[in-house]
């Protein structure tokens, strides 16, 4: 289980949630226009400091809404996926630059409510 927080909460509000909840938080640092269009990349280090464990999520601002998607939108869907990966890498670099002591979740780690496959159990 995770808690997908509203996209416009302040760091203080996220810290208050963290103080009362043990669940990992899902926090968008870039939000599609139809969800508010927030861009919070520079807050990633502070976000991790106050809200960990946290899943930092990247929507795409200024991108077309392609859902429901199909083969007619395949090229666009692939391009948007690549851009999300590129921005996630930028976010990871910012985290390492401004909060080098931050720890990422190791491969194969499990959280309550997330499915575990046989390979993950062997690595844990």
PDB file of N, CA and C in Angstrom:
ATOM      1  N   UNK A   1       0.836  -1.180   0.000  1.00  0.00           N
ATOM      2  CA  UNK A   1       0.000   0.000   0.000  1.00  0.00           C
ATOM      3  C   UNK A   1       0.880   1.243   0.000  1.00  0.00           C
ATOM      4  N   UNK A   2       0.423   2.263  -0.678  1.00  0.00           N
ATOM      5  CA  UNK A   2       1.055   3.575  -0.654  1.00  0.00           C
ATOM      6  C   UNK A   2      -0.050   4.613  -0.534  1.00  0.00           C
ATOM      7  N   UNK A   3       0.352   5.822  -0.231  1.00  0.00           N
ATOM      8  CA  UNK A   3      -0.609   6.916  -0.186  1.00  0.00           C
ATOM      9  C   UNK A   3      -0.238   7.902  -1.279  1.00  0.00           C
ATOM     10  N   UNK A   4      -1.117   8.057  -2.258  1.00  0.00           N
ATOM     11  CA  UNK A   4      -0.913   8.983  -3.365  1.00  0.00           C
ATOM     12  C   UNK A   4      -1.457  10.336  -2.925  1.00  0.00           C
ATOM     13  N   UNK A   5      -0.559  11.229  -2.537  1.00  0.00           N
ATOM     14  CA  UNK A   5      -0.962  12.511  -1.954  1.00  0.00           C
ATOM     15  C   UNK A   5      -1.430  13.480  -3.036  1.00  0.00           C
ATOM     16  N   UNK A   6      -2.246  14.465  -2.655  1.00  0.00           N
ATOM     17  CA  UNK A   6      -2.604  15.517  -3.612  1.00  0.00           C
ATOM     18  C   UNK A   6      -1.336  16.194  -4.142  1.00  0.00           C
ATOM     19  N   UNK A   7      -1.396  16.666  -5.359  1.00  0.00           N
ATOM     20  CA  UNK A   7      -0.184  17.144  -6.033  1.00  0.00           C
ATOM     21  C   UNK A   7       0.329  18.482  -5.549  1.00  0.00           C
ATOM     22  N   UNK A   8      -0.477  19.250  -4.842  1.00  0.00           N
ATOM     23  CA  UNK A   8      -0.058  20.611  -4.495  1.00  0.00           C
ATOM     24  C   UNK A   8       0.257  20.809  -3.017  1.00  0.00           C
ATOM     25  N   UNK A   9       0.554  19.758  -2.292  1.00  0.00           N
ATOM     26  CA  UNK A   9       0.859  19.902  -0.874  1.00  0.00           C
ATOM     27  C   UNK A   9       2.247  20.502  -0.671  1.00  0.00           C
ATOM     28  N   UNK A  10       2.368  21.334   0.349  1.00  0.00           N
ATOM     29  CA  UNK A  10       3.662  21.934   0.685  1.00  0.00           C
ATOM     30  C   UNK A  10       4.545  20.889   1.364  1.00  0.00           C
ATOM     31  N   UNK A  11       5.834  21.204   1.486  1.00  0.00           N
ATOM     32  CA  UNK A  11       6.737  20.302   2.191  1.00  0.00           C
ATOM     33  C   UNK A  11       6.310  20.131   3.648  1.00  0.00           C
ATOM     34  N   UNK A  12       5.835  21.205   4.274  1.00  0.00           N
ATOM     35  CA  UNK A  12       5.364  21.109   5.661  1.00  0.00           C
ATOM     36  C   UNK A  12       4.157  20.175   5.768  1.00  0.00           C
ATOM     37  N   UNK A  13       3.256  20.248   4.811  1.00  0.00           N
ATOM     38  CA  UNK A  13       2.095  19.356   4.827  1.00  0.00           C
ATOM     39  C   UNK A  13       2.518  17.907   4.620  1.00  0.00           C
ATOM     40  N   UNK A  14       3.477  17.679   3.723  1.00  0.00           N
ATOM     41  CA  UNK A  14       3.974  16.324   3.499  1.00  0.00           C
ATOM     42  C   UNK A  14       4.681  15.797   4.747  1.00  0.00           C
ATOM     43  N   UNK A  15       5.433  16.662   5.433  1.00  0.00           N
ATOM     44  CA  UNK A  15       6.100  16.261   6.675  1.00  0.00           C
ATOM     45  C   UNK A  15       5.068  15.885   7.737  1.00  0.00           C
ATOM     46  N   UNK A  16       3.966  16.612   7.799  1.00  0.00           N
ATOM     47  CA  UNK A  16       2.908  16.297   8.764  1.00  0.00           C
ATOM     48  C   UNK A  16       2.280  14.941   8.458  1.00  0.00           C
ATOM     49  N   UNK A  17       2.078  14.658   7.182  1.00  0.00           N
ATOM     50  CA  UNK A  17       1.553  13.343   6.795  1.00  0.00           C
ATOM     51  C   UNK A  17       2.548  12.267   7.189  1.00  0.00           C
ATOM     52  N   UNK A  18       3.827  12.500   6.917  1.00  0.00           N
ATOM     53  CA  UNK A  18       4.856  11.514   7.251  1.00  0.00           C
ATOM     54  C   UNK A  18       4.872  11.242   8.748  1.00  0.00           C
ATOM     55  N   UNK A  19       4.651  12.255   9.561  1.00  0.00           N
ATOM     56  CA  UNK A  19       4.679  12.083  11.016  1.00  0.00           C
ATOM     57  C   UNK A  19       3.556  11.183  11.521  1.00  0.00           C
ATOM     58  N   UNK A  20       2.505  11.031  10.732  1.00  0.00           N
ATOM     59  CA  UNK A  20       1.353  10.239  11.182  1.00  0.00           C
ATOM     60  C   UNK A  20       1.138   8.956  10.394  1.00  0.00           C
ATOM     61  N   UNK A  21       1.847   8.769   9.304  1.00  0.00           N
ATOM     62  CA  UNK A  21       1.613   7.600   8.447  1.00  0.00           C
ATOM     63  C   UNK A  21       2.926   6.891   8.144  1.00  0.00           C
ATOM     64  N   UNK A  22       2.888   5.565   8.195  1.00  0.00           N
ATOM     65  CA  UNK A  22       4.069   4.769   7.881  1.00  0.00           C
ATOM     66  C   UNK A  22       4.133   4.348   6.420  1.00  0.00           C
ATOM     67  N   UNK A  23       3.034   4.486   5.699  1.00  0.00           N
ATOM     68  CA  UNK A  23       3.001   4.075   4.293  1.00  0.00           C
ATOM     69  C   UNK A  23       3.984   4.887   3.460  1.00  0.00           C
ATOM     70  N   UNK A  24       4.589   4.277   2.448  1.00  0.00           N
ATOM     71  CA  UNK A  24       5.351   5.082   1.490  1.00  0.00           C
ATOM     72  C   UNK A  24       4.408   6.062   0.793  1.00  0.00           C
ATOM     73  N   UNK A  25       4.898   7.266   0.536  1.00  0.00           N
ATOM     74  CA  UNK A  25       4.091   8.280  -0.138  1.00  0.00           C
ATOM     75  C   UNK A  25       4.422   8.305  -1.621  1.00  0.00           C
ATOM     76  N   UNK A  26       3.403   8.441  -2.454  1.00  0.00           N
ATOM     77  CA  UNK A  26       3.566   8.672  -3.894  1.00  0.00           C
ATOM     78  C   UNK A  26       3.431  10.175  -4.098  1.00  0.00           C
ATOM     79  N   UNK A  27       4.495  10.812  -4.588  1.00  0.00           N
ATOM     80  CA  UNK A  27       4.468  12.265  -4.757  1.00  0.00           C
ATOM     81  C   UNK A  27       4.910  12.617  -6.170  1.00  0.00           C
ATOM     82  N   UNK A  28       4.026  13.262  -6.903  1.00  0.00           N
ATOM     83  CA  UNK A  28       4.380  13.755  -8.227  1.00  0.00           C
ATOM     84  C   UNK A  28       5.242  15.000  -8.090  1.00  0.00           C
ATOM     85  N   UNK A  29       6.380  15.029  -8.780  1.00  0.00           N
ATOM     86  CA  UNK A  29       7.205  16.235  -8.834  1.00  0.00           C
ATOM     87  C   UNK A  29       7.054  16.939 -10.175  1.00  0.00           C
ATOM     88  N   UNK A  30       6.404  16.279 -11.095  1.00  0.00           N
ATOM     89  CA  UNK A  30       5.966  16.924 -12.339  1.00  0.00           C
ATOM     90  C   UNK A  30       4.586  16.362 -12.639  1.00  0.00           C
ATOM     91  N   UNK A  31       3.656  17.271 -12.839  1.00  0.00           N
ATOM     92  CA  UNK A  31       2.255  16.891 -12.927  1.00  0.00           C
ATOM     93  C   UNK A  31       1.695  17.320 -14.279  1.00  0.00           C
ATOM     94  N   UNK A  32       0.991  16.430 -14.976  1.00  0.00           N
ATOM     95  CA  UNK A  32       0.362  16.826 -16.240  1.00  0.00           C
ATOM     96  C   UNK A  32      -0.544  18.042 -16.052  1.00  0.00           C
ATOM     97  N   UNK A  33      -0.720  18.783 -17.125  1.00  0.00           N
ATOM     98  CA  UNK A  33      -1.510  20.014 -17.083  1.00  0.00           C
ATOM     99  C   UNK A  33      -2.911  19.796 -16.529  1.00  0.00           C
ATOM    100  N   UNK A  34      -3.541  18.669 -16.882  1.00  0.00           N
ATOM    101  CA  UNK A  34      -4.907  18.445 -16.423  1.00  0.00           C
ATOM    102  C   UNK A  34      -4.997  18.036 -14.949  1.00  0.00           C
ATOM    103  N   UNK A  35      -3.845  17.930 -14.272  1.00  0.00           N
ATOM    104  CA  UNK A  35      -3.802  17.701 -12.825  1.00  0.00           C
ATOM    105  C   UNK A  35      -3.187  18.878 -12.081  1.00  0.00           C
ATOM    106  N   UNK A  36      -2.981  19.988 -12.761  1.00  0.00           N
ATOM    107  CA  UNK A  36      -2.457  21.184 -12.105  1.00  0.00           C
ATOM    108  C   UNK A  36      -1.172  21.719 -12.689  1.00  0.00           C
ATOM    109  N   UNK A  37      -0.425  20.895 -13.415  1.00  0.00           N
ATOM    110  CA  UNK A  37       0.769  21.363 -14.104  1.00  0.00           C
ATOM    111  C   UNK A  37       1.931  21.771 -13.219  1.00  0.00           C
ATOM    112  N   UNK A  38       2.030  21.221 -12.009  1.00  0.00           N
ATOM    113  CA  UNK A  38       3.128  21.578 -11.120  1.00  0.00           C
ATOM    114  C   UNK A  38       4.439  20.988 -11.611  1.00  0.00           C
ATOM    115  N   UNK A  39       5.529  21.721 -11.408  1.00  0.00           N
ATOM    116  CA  UNK A  39       6.880  21.231 -11.665  1.00  0.00           C
ATOM    117  C   UNK A  39       7.676  21.502 -10.393  1.00  0.00           C
ATOM    118  N   UNK A  40       8.106  20.433  -9.726  1.00  0.00           N
ATOM    119  CA  UNK A  40       8.748  20.555  -8.413  1.00  0.00           C
ATOM    120  C   UNK A  40      10.103  19.853  -8.370  1.00  0.00           C
ATOM    121  N   UNK A  41      10.808  19.805  -9.472  1.00  0.00           N
ATOM    122  CA  UNK A  41      12.072  19.070  -9.516  1.00  0.00           C
ATOM    123  C   UNK A  41      13.058  19.562  -8.461  1.00  0.00           C
ATOM    124  N   UNK A  42      13.148  20.878  -8.269  1.00  0.00           N
ATOM    125  CA  UNK A  42      14.118  21.411  -7.316  1.00  0.00           C
ATOM    126  C   UNK A  42      13.760  21.102  -5.868  1.00  0.00           C
ATOM    127  N   UNK A  43      12.558  20.636  -5.620  1.00  0.00           N
ATOM    128  CA  UNK A  43      12.153  20.258  -4.267  1.00  0.00           C
ATOM    129  C   UNK A  43      12.462  18.797  -3.951  1.00  0.00           C
ATOM    130  N   UNK A  44      12.938  18.042  -4.926  1.00  0.00           N
ATOM    131  CA  UNK A  44      13.159  16.606  -4.708  1.00  0.00           C
ATOM    132  C   UNK A  44      14.039  16.340  -3.487  1.00  0.00           C
ATOM    133  N   UNK A  45      15.202  16.993  -3.327  1.00  0.00           N
ATOM    134  CA  UNK A  45      16.018  16.695  -2.140  1.00  0.00           C
ATOM    135  C   UNK A  45      15.280  16.954  -0.823  1.00  0.00           C
ATOM    136  N   UNK A  46      14.603  18.085  -0.719  1.00  0.00           N
ATOM    137  CA  UNK A  46      13.862  18.388   0.509  1.00  0.00           C
ATOM    138  C   UNK A  46      12.662  17.468   0.675  1.00  0.00           C
ATOM    139  N   UNK A  47      12.046  17.114  -0.415  1.00  0.00           N
ATOM    140  CA  UNK A  47      10.916  16.191  -0.384  1.00  0.00           C
ATOM    141  C   UNK A  47      11.348  14.849   0.204  1.00  0.00           C
ATOM    142  N   UNK A  48      12.489  14.347  -0.234  1.00  0.00           N
ATOM    143  CA  UNK A  48      13.000  13.078   0.282  1.00  0.00           C
ATOM    144  C   UNK A  48      13.359  13.223   1.761  1.00  0.00           C
ATOM    145  N   UNK A  49      13.949  14.348   2.138  1.00  0.00           N
ATOM    146  CA  UNK A  49      14.302  14.572   3.548  1.00  0.00           C
ATOM    147  C   UNK A  49      13.077  14.503   4.470  1.00  0.00           C
ATOM    148  N   UNK A  50      11.979  15.126   4.063  1.00  0.00           N
ATOM    149  CA  UNK A  50      10.825  15.233   4.968  1.00  0.00           C
ATOM    150  C   UNK A  50       9.798  14.121   4.798  1.00  0.00           C
ATOM    151  N   UNK A  51       9.812  13.412   3.668  1.00  0.00           N
ATOM    152  CA  UNK A  51       8.714  12.483   3.389  1.00  0.00           C
ATOM    153  C   UNK A  51       9.130  11.036   3.190  1.00  0.00           C
ATOM    154  N   UNK A  52      10.415  10.719   3.221  1.00  0.00           N
ATOM    155  CA  UNK A  52      10.846   9.346   2.977  1.00  0.00           C
ATOM    156  C   UNK A  52      10.223   8.389   3.990  1.00  0.00           C
ATOM    157  N   UNK A  53       9.834   7.184   3.574  1.00  0.00           N
ATOM    158  CA  UNK A  53       9.972   6.648   2.225  1.00  0.00           C
ATOM    159  C   UNK A  53       8.950   7.261   1.263  1.00  0.00           C
ATOM    160  N   UNK A  54       9.453   7.583   0.083  1.00  0.00           N
ATOM    161  CA  UNK A  54       8.628   8.275  -0.899  1.00  0.00           C
ATOM    162  C   UNK A  54       8.940   7.740  -2.291  1.00  0.00           C
ATOM    163  N   UNK A  55       7.908   7.595  -3.105  1.00  0.00           N
ATOM    164  CA  UNK A  55       8.071   7.287  -4.519  1.00  0.00           C
ATOM    165  C   UNK A  55       7.900   8.600  -5.266  1.00  0.00           C
ATOM    166  N   UNK A  56       8.973   9.086  -5.870  1.00  0.00           N
ATOM    167  CA  UNK A  56       8.928  10.329  -6.639  1.00  0.00           C
ATOM    168  C   UNK A  56       8.421   9.979  -8.031  1.00  0.00           C
ATOM    169  N   UNK A  57       7.362  10.666  -8.457  1.00  0.00           N
ATOM    170  CA  UNK A  57       6.698  10.314  -9.714  1.00  0.00           C
ATOM    171  C   UNK A  57       6.776  11.472 -10.702  1.00  0.00           C
ATOM    172  N   UNK A  58       6.906  11.124 -11.957  1.00  0.00           N
ATOM    173  CA  UNK A  58       7.032  12.109 -13.018  1.00  0.00           C
ATOM    174  C   UNK A  58       5.906  11.964 -14.021  1.00  0.00           C
ATOM    175  N   UNK A  59       4.989  12.907 -14.013  1.00  0.00           N
ATOM    176  CA  UNK A  59       4.049  13.058 -15.114  1.00  0.00           C
ATOM    177  C   UNK A  59       4.762  13.964 -16.114  1.00  0.00           C
ATOM    178  N   UNK A  60       4.112  14.426 -17.111  1.00  0.00           N
ATOM    179  CA  UNK A  60       4.755  15.348 -18.049  1.00  0.00           C
ATOM    180  C   UNK A  60       3.912  16.596 -18.211  1.00  0.00           C
ATOM    181  N   UNK A  61       4.496  17.715 -17.887  1.00  0.00           N
ATOM    182  CA  UNK A  61       3.857  19.013 -18.115  1.00  0.00           C
ATOM    183  C   UNK A  61       3.973  19.333 -19.598  1.00  0.00           C
ATOM    184  N   UNK A  62       3.008  20.049 -20.143  1.00  0.00           N
ATOM    185  CA  UNK A  62       3.013  20.459 -21.554  1.00  0.00           C
ATOM    186  C   UNK A  62       3.081  19.273 -22.510  1.00  0.00           C
ATOM    187  N   UNK A  63       2.436  18.187 -22.155  1.00  0.00           N
ATOM    188  CA  UNK A  63       2.409  16.997 -23.005  1.00  0.00           C
ATOM    189  C   UNK A  63       0.956  16.659 -23.324  1.00  0.00           C
ATOM    190  N   UNK A  64       0.727  16.031 -24.474  1.00  0.00           N
ATOM    191  CA  UNK A  64      -0.653  15.665 -24.810  1.00  0.00           C
ATOM    192  C   UNK A  64      -1.171  14.558 -23.904  1.00  0.00           C
ATOM    193  N   UNK A  65      -2.448  14.601 -23.606  1.00  0.00           N
ATOM    194  CA  UNK A  65      -3.098  13.527 -22.865  1.00  0.00           C
ATOM    195  C   UNK A  65      -3.453  12.443 -23.879  1.00  0.00           C
ATOM    196  N   UNK A  66      -2.829  11.285 -23.746  1.00  0.00           N
ATOM    197  CA  UNK A  66      -3.003  10.233 -24.760  1.00  0.00           C
ATOM    198  C   UNK A  66      -3.843   9.057 -24.260  1.00  0.00           C
ATOM    199  N   UNK A  67      -4.527   9.210 -23.167  1.00  0.00           N
ATOM    200  CA  UNK A  67      -5.302   8.104 -22.615  1.00  0.00           C
ATOM    201  C   UNK A  67      -6.754   8.222 -23.008  1.00  0.00           C
ATOM    202  N   UNK A  68      -7.385   7.145 -23.447  1.00  0.00           N
ATOM    203  CA  UNK A  68      -6.806   5.818 -23.608  1.00  0.00           C
ATOM    204  C   UNK A  68      -5.907   5.766 -24.842  1.00  0.00           C
ATOM    205  N   UNK A  69      -4.821   5.063 -24.708  1.00  0.00           N
ATOM    206  CA  UNK A  69      -3.844   4.976 -25.781  1.00  0.00           C
ATOM    207  C   UNK A  69      -4.119   3.739 -26.634  1.00  0.00           C
ATOM    208  N   UNK A  70      -3.574   3.741 -27.818  1.00  0.00           N
ATOM    209  CA  UNK A  70      -3.713   2.607 -28.724  1.00  0.00           C
ATOM    210  C   UNK A  70      -2.604   2.657 -29.756  1.00  0.00           C
ATOM    211  N   UNK A  71      -2.652   1.755 -30.719  1.00  0.00           N
ATOM    212  CA  UNK A  71      -1.584   1.713 -31.716  1.00  0.00           C
ATOM    213  C   UNK A  71      -1.513   2.995 -32.534  1.00  0.00           C
ATOM    214  N   UNK A  72      -2.617   3.704 -32.647  1.00  0.00           N
ATOM    215  CA  UNK A  72      -2.614   4.956 -33.400  1.00  0.00           C
ATOM    216  C   UNK A  72      -1.789   6.045 -32.698  1.00  0.00           C
ATOM    217  N   UNK A  73      -1.488   5.839 -31.421  1.00  0.00           N
ATOM    218  CA  UNK A  73      -0.693   6.803 -30.657  1.00  0.00           C
ATOM    219  C   UNK A  73       0.628   6.210 -30.170  1.00  0.00           C
ATOM    220  N   UNK A  74       1.018   5.087 -30.739  1.00  0.00           N
ATOM    221  CA  UNK A  74       2.189   4.365 -30.244  1.00  0.00           C
ATOM    222  C   UNK A  74       3.445   5.225 -30.248  1.00  0.00           C
ATOM    223  N   UNK A  75       3.734   5.912 -31.330  1.00  0.00           N
ATOM    224  CA  UNK A  75       4.952   6.726 -31.403  1.00  0.00           C
ATOM    225  C   UNK A  75       4.941   7.820 -30.335  1.00  0.00           C
ATOM    226  N   UNK A  76       3.800   8.432 -30.133  1.00  0.00           N
ATOM    227  CA  UNK A  76       3.689   9.474 -29.107  1.00  0.00           C
ATOM    228  C   UNK A  76       3.874   8.877 -27.720  1.00  0.00           C
ATOM    229  N   UNK A  77       3.252   7.727 -27.464  1.00  0.00           N
ATOM    230  CA  UNK A  77       3.379   7.077 -26.154  1.00  0.00           C
ATOM    231  C   UNK A  77       4.830   6.710 -25.864  1.00  0.00           C
ATOM    232  N   UNK A  78       5.539   6.192 -26.850  1.00  0.00           N
ATOM    233  CA  UNK A  78       6.947   5.831 -26.675  1.00  0.00           C
ATOM    234  C   UNK A  78       7.778   7.083 -26.405  1.00  0.00           C
ATOM    235  N   UNK A  79       7.546   8.143 -27.159  1.00  0.00           N
ATOM    236  CA  UNK A  79       8.292   9.392 -26.959  1.00  0.00           C
ATOM    237  C   UNK A  79       8.038   9.968 -25.569  1.00  0.00           C
ATOM    238  N   UNK A  80       6.787   9.926 -25.115  1.00  0.00           N
ATOM    239  CA  UNK A  80       6.474  10.435 -23.787  1.00  0.00           C
ATOM    240  C   UNK A  80       7.120   9.572 -22.701  1.00  0.00           C
ATOM    241  N   UNK A  81       7.150   8.275 -22.898  1.00  0.00           N
ATOM    242  CA  UNK A  81       7.811   7.382 -21.944  1.00  0.00           C
ATOM    243  C   UNK A  81       9.294   7.670 -21.848  1.00  0.00           C
ATOM    244  N   UNK A  82       9.926   7.878 -22.985  1.00  0.00           N
ATOM    245  CA  UNK A  82      11.359   8.206 -22.986  1.00  0.00           C
ATOM    246  C   UNK A  82      11.621   9.531 -22.274  1.00  0.00           C
ATOM    247  N   UNK A  83      10.738  10.490 -22.486  1.00  0.00           N
ATOM    248  CA  UNK A  83      10.906  11.787 -21.829  1.00  0.00           C
ATOM    249  C   UNK A  83      10.735  11.664 -20.319  1.00  0.00           C
ATOM    250  N   UNK A  84       9.826  10.827 -19.876  1.00  0.00           N
ATOM    251  CA  UNK A  84       9.678  10.607 -18.430  1.00  0.00           C
ATOM    252  C   UNK A  84      10.953  10.012 -17.841  1.00  0.00           C
ATOM    253  N   UNK A  85      11.535   9.058 -18.542  1.00  0.00           N
ATOM    254  CA  UNK A  85      12.777   8.439 -18.073  1.00  0.00           C
ATOM    255  C   UNK A  85      13.891   9.480 -18.031  1.00  0.00           C
ATOM    256  N   UNK A  86      13.974  10.323 -19.046  1.00  0.00           N
ATOM    257  CA  UNK A  86      14.999  11.373 -19.074  1.00  0.00           C
ATOM    258  C   UNK A  86      14.824  12.319 -17.884  1.00  0.00           C
ATOM    259  N   UNK A  87      13.607  12.719 -17.622  1.00  0.00           N
ATOM    260  CA  UNK A  87      13.354  13.638 -16.506  1.00  0.00           C
ATOM    261  C   UNK A  87      13.579  12.957 -15.162  1.00  0.00           C
ATOM    262  N   UNK A  88      13.278  11.678 -15.067  1.00  0.00           N
ATOM    263  CA  UNK A  88      13.562  10.947 -13.829  1.00  0.00           C
ATOM    264  C   UNK A  88      15.063  10.911 -13.575  1.00  0.00           C
ATOM    265  N   UNK A  89      15.831  10.735 -14.617  1.00  0.00           N
ATOM    266  CA  UNK A  89      17.296  10.747 -14.472  1.00  0.00           C
ATOM    267  C   UNK A  89      17.771  12.122 -13.994  1.00  0.00           C
ATOM    268  N   UNK A  90      17.216  13.191 -14.552  1.00  0.00           N
ATOM    269  CA  UNK A  90      17.557  14.542 -14.102  1.00  0.00           C
ATOM    270  C   UNK A  90      17.199  14.696 -12.625  1.00  0.00           C
ATOM    271  N   UNK A  91      16.026  14.206 -12.240  1.00  0.00           N
ATOM    272  CA  UNK A  91      15.620  14.264 -10.841  1.00  0.00           C
ATOM    273  C   UNK A  91      16.568  13.497  -9.936  1.00  0.00           C
ATOM    274  N   UNK A  92      17.001  12.332 -10.388  1.00  0.00           N
ATOM    275  CA  UNK A  92      17.944  11.530  -9.614  1.00  0.00           C
ATOM    276  C   UNK A  92      19.273  12.267  -9.467  1.00  0.00           C
ATOM    277  N   UNK A  93      19.728  12.907 -10.540  1.00  0.00           N
ATOM    278  CA  UNK A  93      20.972  13.677 -10.476  1.00  0.00           C
ATOM    279  C   UNK A  93      20.846  14.848  -9.505  1.00  0.00           C
ATOM    280  N   UNK A  94      19.697  15.517  -9.512  1.00  0.00           N
ATOM    281  CA  UNK A  94      19.482  16.621  -8.574  1.00  0.00           C
ATOM    282  C   UNK A  94      19.501  16.114  -7.132  1.00  0.00           C
ATOM    283  N   UNK A  95      18.869  14.976  -6.904  1.00  0.00           N
ATOM    284  CA  UNK A  95      18.860  14.400  -5.567  1.00  0.00           C
ATOM    285  C   UNK A  95      20.284  14.105  -5.112  1.00  0.00           C
ATOM    286  N   UNK A  96      21.082  13.485  -5.953  1.00  0.00           N
ATOM    287  CA  UNK A  96      22.450  13.136  -5.584  1.00  0.00           C
ATOM    288  C   UNK A  96      23.321  14.384  -5.395  1.00  0.00           C
ATOM    289  N   UNK A  97      23.061  15.425  -6.149  1.00  0.00           N
ATOM    290  CA  UNK A  97      23.839  16.660  -6.033  1.00  0.00           C
ATOM    291  C   UNK A  97      23.519  17.400  -4.733  1.00  0.00           C
ATOM    292  N   UNK A  98      22.231  17.516  -4.397  1.00  0.00           N
ATOM    293  CA  UNK A  98      21.822  18.349  -3.275  1.00  0.00           C
ATOM    294  C   UNK A  98      21.507  17.581  -1.990  1.00  0.00           C
ATOM    295  N   UNK A  99      21.461  16.279  -2.071  1.00  0.00           N
ATOM    296  CA  UNK A  99      21.243  15.437  -0.893  1.00  0.00           C
ATOM    297  C   UNK A  99      21.983  14.118  -1.123  1.00  0.00           C
ATOM    298  N   UNK A 100      23.322  14.192  -1.149  1.00  0.00           N
ATOM    299  CA  UNK A 100      24.112  13.004  -1.494  1.00  0.00           C
ATOM    300  C   UNK A 100      23.962  11.850  -0.506  1.00  0.00           C
ATOM    301  N   UNK A 101      23.477  12.118   0.698  1.00  0.00           N
ATOM    302  CA  UNK A 101      23.286  11.048   1.676  1.00  0.00           C
ATOM    303  C   UNK A 101      21.957  10.312   1.512  1.00  0.00           C
ATOM    304  N   UNK A 102      21.147  10.751   0.570  1.00  0.00           N
ATOM    305  CA  UNK A 102      19.857  10.090   0.339  1.00  0.00           C
ATOM    306  C   UNK A 102      20.096   8.649  -0.096  1.00  0.00           C
ATOM    307  N   UNK A 103      19.214   7.774   0.340  1.00  0.00           N
ATOM    308  CA  UNK A 103      19.306   6.367  -0.030  1.00  0.00           C
ATOM    309  C   UNK A 103      18.140   6.003  -0.932  1.00  0.00           C
ATOM    310  N   UNK A 104      18.432   5.251  -1.972  1.00  0.00           N
ATOM    311  CA  UNK A 104      17.372   4.772  -2.850  1.00  0.00           C
ATOM    312  C   UNK A 104      16.970   3.366  -2.420  1.00  0.00           C
ATOM    313  N   UNK A 105      15.811   2.960  -2.840  1.00  0.00           N
ATOM    314  CA  UNK A 105      15.331   1.623  -2.529  1.00  0.00           C
ATOM    315  C   UNK A 105      16.159   0.614  -3.315  1.00  0.00           C
ATOM    316  N   UNK A 106      16.714  -0.383  -2.654  1.00  0.00           N
ATOM    317  CA  UNK A 106      17.509  -1.370  -3.382  1.00  0.00           C
ATOM    318  C   UNK A 106      16.627  -2.235  -4.281  1.00  0.00           C
ATOM    319  N   UNK A 107      17.190  -2.733  -5.372  1.00  0.00           N
ATOM    320  CA  UNK A 107      16.419  -3.633  -6.242  1.00  0.00           C
ATOM    321  C   UNK A 107      15.913  -4.836  -5.443  1.00  0.00           C
ATOM    322  N   UNK A 108      14.671  -5.190  -5.700  1.00  0.00           N
ATOM    323  CA  UNK A 108      14.085  -6.346  -5.037  1.00  0.00           C
ATOM    324  C   UNK A 108      13.457  -6.054  -3.690  1.00  0.00           C
ATOM    325  N   UNK A 109      13.547  -4.801  -3.227  1.00  0.00           N
ATOM    326  CA  UNK A 109      12.935  -4.456  -1.940  1.00  0.00           C
ATOM    327  C   UNK A 109      11.421  -4.580  -2.042  1.00  0.00           C
ATOM    328  N   UNK A 110      10.800  -4.906  -0.934  1.00  0.00           N
ATOM    329  CA  UNK A 110       9.345  -5.029  -0.923  1.00  0.00           C
ATOM    330  C   UNK A 110       8.749  -4.040   0.068  1.00  0.00           C
ATOM    331  N   UNK A 111       7.559  -3.625  -0.214  1.00  0.00           N
ATOM    332  CA  UNK A 111       6.780  -2.762   0.664  1.00  0.00           C
ATOM    333  C   UNK A 111       5.433  -3.428   0.856  1.00  0.00           C
ATOM    334  N   UNK A 112       4.770  -3.157   1.966  1.00  0.00           N
ATOM    335  CA  UNK A 112       3.448  -3.755   2.175  1.00  0.00           C
ATOM    336  C   UNK A 112       2.514  -3.474   0.998  1.00  0.00           C
ATOM    337  N   UNK A 113       1.878  -4.505   0.513  1.00  0.00           N
ATOM    338  CA  UNK A 113       0.897  -4.333  -0.550  1.00  0.00           C
ATOM    339  C   UNK A 113       1.453  -4.448  -1.952  1.00  0.00           C
ATOM    340  N   UNK A 114       2.777  -4.477  -2.101  1.00  0.00           N
ATOM    341  CA  UNK A 114       3.355  -4.623  -3.432  1.00  0.00           C
ATOM    342  C   UNK A 114       3.618  -6.096  -3.688  1.00  0.00           C
ATOM    343  N   UNK A 115       3.314  -6.580  -4.890  1.00  0.00           N
ATOM    344  CA  UNK A 115       3.508  -7.995  -5.180  1.00  0.00           C
ATOM    345  C   UNK A 115       4.986  -8.364  -5.161  1.00  0.00           C
ATOM    346  N   UNK A 116       5.252  -9.578  -4.771  1.00  0.00           N
ATOM    347  CA  UNK A 116       6.615 -10.084  -4.716  1.00  0.00           C
ATOM    348  C   UNK A 116       6.684 -11.299  -5.617  1.00  0.00           C
ATOM    349  N   UNK A 117       7.657 -11.310  -6.540  1.00  0.00           N
ATOM    350  CA  UNK A 117       7.831 -12.494  -7.373  1.00  0.00           C
ATOM    351  C   UNK A 117       8.905 -13.385  -6.748  1.00  0.00           C
ATOM    352  N   UNK A 118       9.047 -14.578  -7.270  1.00  0.00           N
ATOM    353  CA  UNK A 118       9.977 -15.550  -6.697  1.00  0.00           C
ATOM    354  C   UNK A 118      11.405 -15.029  -6.715  1.00  0.00           C
ATOM    355  N   UNK A 119      11.824 -14.350  -7.792  1.00  0.00           N
ATOM    356  CA  UNK A 119      13.182 -13.826  -7.875  1.00  0.00           C
ATOM    357  C   UNK A 119      13.439 -12.799  -6.781  1.00  0.00           C
ATOM    358  N   UNK A 120      12.474 -11.937  -6.514  1.00  0.00           N
ATOM    359  CA  UNK A 120      12.631 -10.915  -5.476  1.00  0.00           C
ATOM    360  C   UNK A 120      12.799 -11.551  -4.105  1.00  0.00           C
ATOM    361  N   UNK A 121      12.047 -12.606  -3.826  1.00  0.00           N
ATOM    362  CA  UNK A 121      12.147 -13.275  -2.528  1.00  0.00           C
ATOM    363  C   UNK A 121      13.546 -13.844  -2.330  1.00  0.00           C
ATOM    364  N   UNK A 122      14.133 -14.378  -3.403  1.00  0.00           N
ATOM    365  CA  UNK A 122      15.461 -14.960  -3.289  1.00  0.00           C
ATOM    366  C   UNK A 122      16.512 -13.890  -3.036  1.00  0.00           C
ATOM    367  N   UNK A 123      16.324 -12.679  -3.575  1.00  0.00           N
ATOM    368  CA  UNK A 123      17.298 -11.603  -3.393  1.00  0.00           C
ATOM    369  C   UNK A 123      17.173 -10.946  -2.025  1.00  0.00           C
ATOM    370  N   UNK A 124      15.997 -11.010  -1.425  1.00  0.00           N
ATOM    371  CA  UNK A 124      15.772 -10.281  -0.160  1.00  0.00           C
ATOM    372  C   UNK A 124      16.502 -10.911   0.998  1.00  0.00           C
TER     373      UNK A 124
END
